């Protein structure tokens, strides 16, 4: 169940709001509300009308899509300070482009579509910061499409392991099933590839925790694997 919590968030923790003038932050504070979502709880569903923009204050959110056969594809996992469902806000009658659910208990700051659009229209500096943010997400999606369409599963897994090892969230929060849903494959294939990487000395697995053992060779796998 979603419960409303008090509006005492530090807006500066959200990357898009950092370094904004006090006047804009005060306006955001007046317009926004906060909600807590419990672990595993749905936040939005793809194709539903897009009514709001969401920013993560605490916790983690998984963005994913569901194919016609019910198979899930993880698009990204977002942490505190990041936002989602921003792109469709400026499009008339646009639906949510993906699903979102709380990975753990998560506090979100929510701005209604009309309020967020009003903020964009009233502050050119803020508008261009949002444009830069959305552009970075577009570049991420372009790279994701390239990886899924042009890389082998082995390359995708090597790339995933390196990226997650470098990320704040790391590999600890990913199950083999999660990895498969992110790479566009099935758990059995991921399990087999991980064992192969472990035998080759590229990674070590202890108590289901994956650690990189030879980053250089993993990078070579990405470049050379056919």
Protein backbone atom coordinates (compact mmCIF):
# COMPACT_ATOMS: atom_id res chain seq x y z
CA UNK A 1 0.00 0.00 0.00
CA UNK A 2 1.20 3.52 -0.80
CA UNK A 3 1.26 5.94 2.12
CA UNK A 4 1.70 9.69 1.95
CA UNK A 5 4.60 11.00 4.06
CA UNK A 6 5.49 14.50 5.21
CA UNK A 7 7.02 17.03 2.77
CA UNK A 8 10.42 17.61 4.39
CA UNK A 9 12.66 16.35 1.59
CA UNK A 10 15.94 17.97 0.73
CA UNK A 11 15.30 18.85 -2.91
CA UNK A 12 19.02 19.36 -3.43
CA UNK A 13 19.48 15.59 -3.31
CA UNK A 14 17.69 15.33 -6.65
CA UNK A 15 20.14 15.95 -9.49
CA UNK A 16 17.76 18.08 -11.56
CA UNK A 17 17.01 20.36 -8.60
CA UNK A 18 20.56 20.77 -7.33
CA UNK A 19 21.92 24.31 -7.64
CA UNK A 20 18.50 25.70 -8.57
CA UNK A 21 17.53 29.11 -7.12
CA UNK A 22 15.60 29.13 -3.85
CA UNK A 23 12.57 30.63 -5.57
CA UNK A 24 12.24 27.65 -7.90
CA UNK A 25 12.82 25.16 -5.08
CA UNK A 26 10.12 26.82 -3.01
CA UNK A 27 7.71 26.57 -5.91
CA UNK A 28 8.57 22.88 -6.40
CA UNK A 29 8.06 22.30 -2.68
CA UNK A 30 4.60 23.84 -2.89
CA UNK A 31 3.57 21.81 -5.94
CA UNK A 32 5.13 18.42 -5.19
CA UNK A 33 4.00 15.65 -2.90
CA UNK A 34 5.81 12.63 -1.54
CA UNK A 35 4.71 9.01 -1.44
CA UNK A 36 6.26 5.88 -0.05
CA UNK A 37 6.11 2.70 -2.09
CA UNK A 38 6.80 -0.64 -0.48
CA UNK A 39 9.27 -3.18 -1.82
CA UNK A 40 7.96 -4.74 -5.04
CA UNK A 41 5.05 -2.33 -5.35
CA UNK A 42 4.07 -1.03 -8.78
CA UNK A 43 4.50 2.71 -9.31
CA UNK A 44 3.29 3.12 -12.89
CA UNK A 45 2.27 0.79 -15.73
CA UNK A 46 3.28 1.15 -19.36
CA UNK A 47 0.68 2.64 -21.72
CA UNK A 48 -1.40 4.09 -18.88
CA UNK A 49 -1.93 7.85 -19.30
CA UNK A 50 1.17 9.76 -18.25
CA UNK A 51 0.07 12.04 -15.42
CA UNK A 52 3.20 12.80 -13.39
CA UNK A 53 6.99 12.95 -13.14
CA UNK A 54 8.75 11.01 -10.39
CA UNK A 55 12.00 11.65 -8.50
CA UNK A 56 13.65 9.20 -6.11
CA UNK A 57 14.40 10.55 -2.64
CA UNK A 58 15.29 7.24 -1.01
CA UNK A 59 15.38 3.70 -2.34
CA UNK A 60 15.69 2.17 -5.81
CA UNK A 61 13.32 1.82 -8.76
CA UNK A 62 13.33 -0.70 -11.58
CA UNK A 63 12.15 0.44 -15.02
CA UNK A 64 10.98 -2.39 -17.27
CA UNK A 65 8.73 -3.33 -20.16
CA UNK A 66 6.59 -6.42 -20.69
CA UNK A 67 6.51 -8.09 -24.12
CA UNK A 68 3.45 -9.66 -25.77
CA UNK A 69 4.33 -13.07 -24.30
CA UNK A 70 4.66 -11.67 -20.79
CA UNK A 71 8.47 -11.64 -20.84
CA UNK A 72 10.07 -8.76 -18.98
CA UNK A 73 12.93 -6.60 -20.22
CA UNK A 74 14.68 -4.51 -17.58
CA UNK A 75 15.56 -1.11 -19.02
CA UNK A 76 17.36 0.38 -16.04
CA UNK A 77 17.59 0.57 -12.28
CA UNK A 78 17.55 4.03 -10.76
CA UNK A 79 18.77 5.22 -7.38
CA UNK A 80 18.17 8.21 -5.11
CA UNK A 81 18.56 11.53 -6.93
CA UNK A 82 17.31 10.27 -10.29
CA UNK A 83 14.00 10.88 -12.05
CA UNK A 84 11.79 8.98 -14.47
CA UNK A 85 8.74 9.34 -16.71
CA UNK A 86 9.97 12.75 -17.81
CA UNK A 87 10.03 12.31 -21.60
CA UNK A 88 6.28 11.80 -22.22
CA UNK A 89 5.25 14.77 -20.09
CA UNK A 90 5.62 17.26 -22.95
CA UNK A 91 3.64 15.12 -25.41
CA UNK A 92 -0.12 15.40 -25.68
CA UNK A 93 -1.97 12.25 -24.59
CA UNK A 94 1.26 10.26 -24.26
CA UNK A 95 1.21 7.09 -22.20
CA UNK A 96 3.82 5.87 -19.77
CA UNK A 97 6.65 4.42 -21.89
CA UNK A 98 7.48 1.68 -19.36
CA UNK A 99 6.56 0.12 -16.04
CA UNK A 100 8.21 1.12 -12.77
CA UNK A 101 8.31 -0.70 -9.44
CA UNK A 102 10.07 -0.21 -6.13
CA UNK A 103 13.05 -2.52 -5.63
CA UNK A 104 12.99 -1.77 -1.91
CA UNK A 105 10.97 0.59 0.26
CA UNK A 106 11.17 3.80 -1.74
CA UNK A 107 10.23 7.43 -1.17
CA UNK A 108 9.29 9.37 -4.30
CA UNK A 109 8.68 13.04 -4.93
CA UNK A 110 5.87 13.42 -7.45
CA UNK A 111 5.01 16.40 -9.65
CA UNK A 112 1.83 16.45 -11.68
CA UNK A 113 2.24 16.76 -15.43
CA UNK A 114 0.67 20.21 -15.65
CA UNK A 115 2.77 21.53 -12.76
CA UNK A 116 6.02 20.20 -14.21
CA UNK A 117 5.23 21.70 -17.63
CA UNK A 118 4.46 25.03 -15.95
CA UNK A 119 7.87 24.97 -14.23
CA UNK A 120 9.57 24.28 -17.57
CA UNK A 121 7.80 27.21 -19.19
CA UNK A 122 8.60 29.60 -16.37
CA UNK A 123 12.35 28.98 -16.07
CA UNK A 124 14.59 28.67 -19.14
CA UNK A 125 17.61 27.48 -17.15
CA UNK A 126 15.61 24.69 -15.57
CA UNK A 127 14.15 23.82 -18.99
CA UNK A 128 17.61 23.30 -20.48
CA UNK A 129 18.75 21.24 -17.51
CA UNK A 130 15.79 18.95 -18.01
CA UNK A 131 16.57 18.81 -21.74
CA UNK A 132 20.14 17.73 -20.96
CA UNK A 133 18.88 15.10 -18.54
CA UNK A 134 16.45 13.64 -21.07
CA UNK A 135 19.15 13.74 -23.76
CA UNK A 136 21.46 11.64 -21.58
CA UNK A 137 18.69 9.11 -21.12
CA UNK A 138 18.16 9.05 -24.89
CA UNK A 139 21.85 8.30 -25.44
CA UNK A 140 21.61 5.52 -22.84
CA UNK A 141 18.64 4.01 -24.67
CA UNK A 142 20.43 4.24 -28.02
CA UNK A 143 23.40 2.35 -26.59
CA UNK A 144 21.06 -0.22 -25.06
CA UNK A 145 19.39 -0.89 -28.43
CA UNK A 146 22.82 -1.30 -30.03
CA UNK A 147 23.93 -3.73 -27.32
CA UNK A 148 20.79 -5.87 -27.53
CA UNK A 149 20.77 -6.02 -31.32
CA UNK A 150 24.47 -6.23 -32.23
CA UNK A 151 26.23 -7.89 -29.27
CA UNK A 152 26.23 -11.58 -28.43
CA UNK A 153 24.92 -12.68 -25.03
CA UNK A 154 28.52 -13.24 -23.92
CA UNK A 155 29.44 -9.68 -24.87
CA UNK A 156 26.32 -8.31 -23.22
CA UNK A 157 27.10 -10.13 -19.98
CA UNK A 158 30.72 -8.95 -19.92
CA UNK A 159 29.57 -5.36 -20.53
CA UNK A 160 26.88 -5.66 -17.85
CA UNK A 161 29.34 -6.98 -15.24
CA UNK A 162 31.77 -4.13 -15.84
CA UNK A 163 29.06 -1.44 -15.79
CA UNK A 164 27.47 -2.75 -12.60
CA UNK A 165 30.82 -3.14 -10.88
CA UNK A 166 31.40 0.56 -11.59
CA UNK A 167 27.90 1.62 -10.51
CA UNK A 168 26.98 2.75 -7.02
CA UNK A 169 24.45 -0.05 -6.67
CA UNK A 170 27.00 -2.68 -7.76
CA UNK A 171 26.26 -6.32 -8.50
CA UNK A 172 24.91 -7.25 -5.07
CA UNK A 173 21.29 -6.41 -5.85
CA UNK A 174 21.11 -8.45 -9.08
CA UNK A 175 19.93 -12.07 -9.19
CA UNK A 176 20.71 -14.26 -12.20
CA UNK A 177 17.08 -13.89 -13.23
CA UNK A 178 17.36 -10.10 -13.03
CA UNK A 179 20.51 -10.17 -15.15
CA UNK A 180 18.75 -12.30 -17.75
CA UNK A 181 15.82 -9.88 -17.89
CA UNK A 182 18.25 -7.02 -18.40
CA UNK A 183 20.21 -8.77 -21.17
CA UNK A 184 17.23 -10.07 -23.11
CA UNK A 185 17.91 -13.74 -22.46
CA UNK A 186 16.97 -16.48 -19.96
CA UNK A 187 18.37 -17.37 -16.55
CA UNK A 188 19.86 -20.68 -17.71
CA UNK A 189 22.01 -18.94 -20.32
CA UNK A 190 23.25 -16.39 -17.76
CA UNK A 191 24.09 -19.17 -15.26
CA UNK A 192 26.07 -21.06 -17.89
CA UNK A 193 27.98 -17.96 -19.00
CA UNK A 194 28.81 -16.97 -15.41
CA UNK A 195 30.24 -20.44 -14.76
CA UNK A 196 32.28 -20.12 -17.95
CA UNK A 197 33.63 -16.72 -16.87
CA UNK A 198 34.45 -18.15 -13.45
CA UNK A 199 36.32 -21.14 -14.93
CA UNK A 200 38.32 -18.74 -17.12
CA UNK A 201 39.27 -16.65 -14.09
CA UNK A 202 37.41 -13.53 -15.24
CA UNK A 203 35.13 -13.35 -12.21
CA UNK A 204 34.83 -14.90 -8.76
CA UNK A 205 31.52 -15.97 -7.21
CA UNK A 206 31.27 -16.41 -3.46
CA UNK A 207 27.96 -16.72 -1.61
CA UNK A 208 26.19 -15.59 -4.80
CA UNK A 209 28.26 -12.39 -4.89
CA UNK A 210 30.03 -11.69 -8.16
CA UNK A 211 33.33 -9.85 -8.24
CA UNK A 212 35.51 -8.99 -11.22
CA UNK A 213 38.81 -10.89 -11.24
CA UNK A 214 40.18 -9.80 -14.62
CA UNK A 215 38.56 -6.65 -15.97
CA UNK A 216 40.96 -6.38 -18.91
CA UNK A 217 39.98 -9.76 -20.37
CA UNK A 218 36.30 -8.97 -19.83
CA UNK A 219 36.84 -5.79 -21.84
CA UNK A 220 38.53 -7.91 -24.53
CA UNK A 221 35.46 -10.16 -24.58
CA UNK A 222 33.32 -7.13 -25.41
CA UNK A 223 35.63 -6.07 -28.24
CA UNK A 224 36.44 -9.44 -29.79
CA UNK A 225 33.64 -11.90 -29.10
CA UNK A 226 31.69 -12.79 -32.21
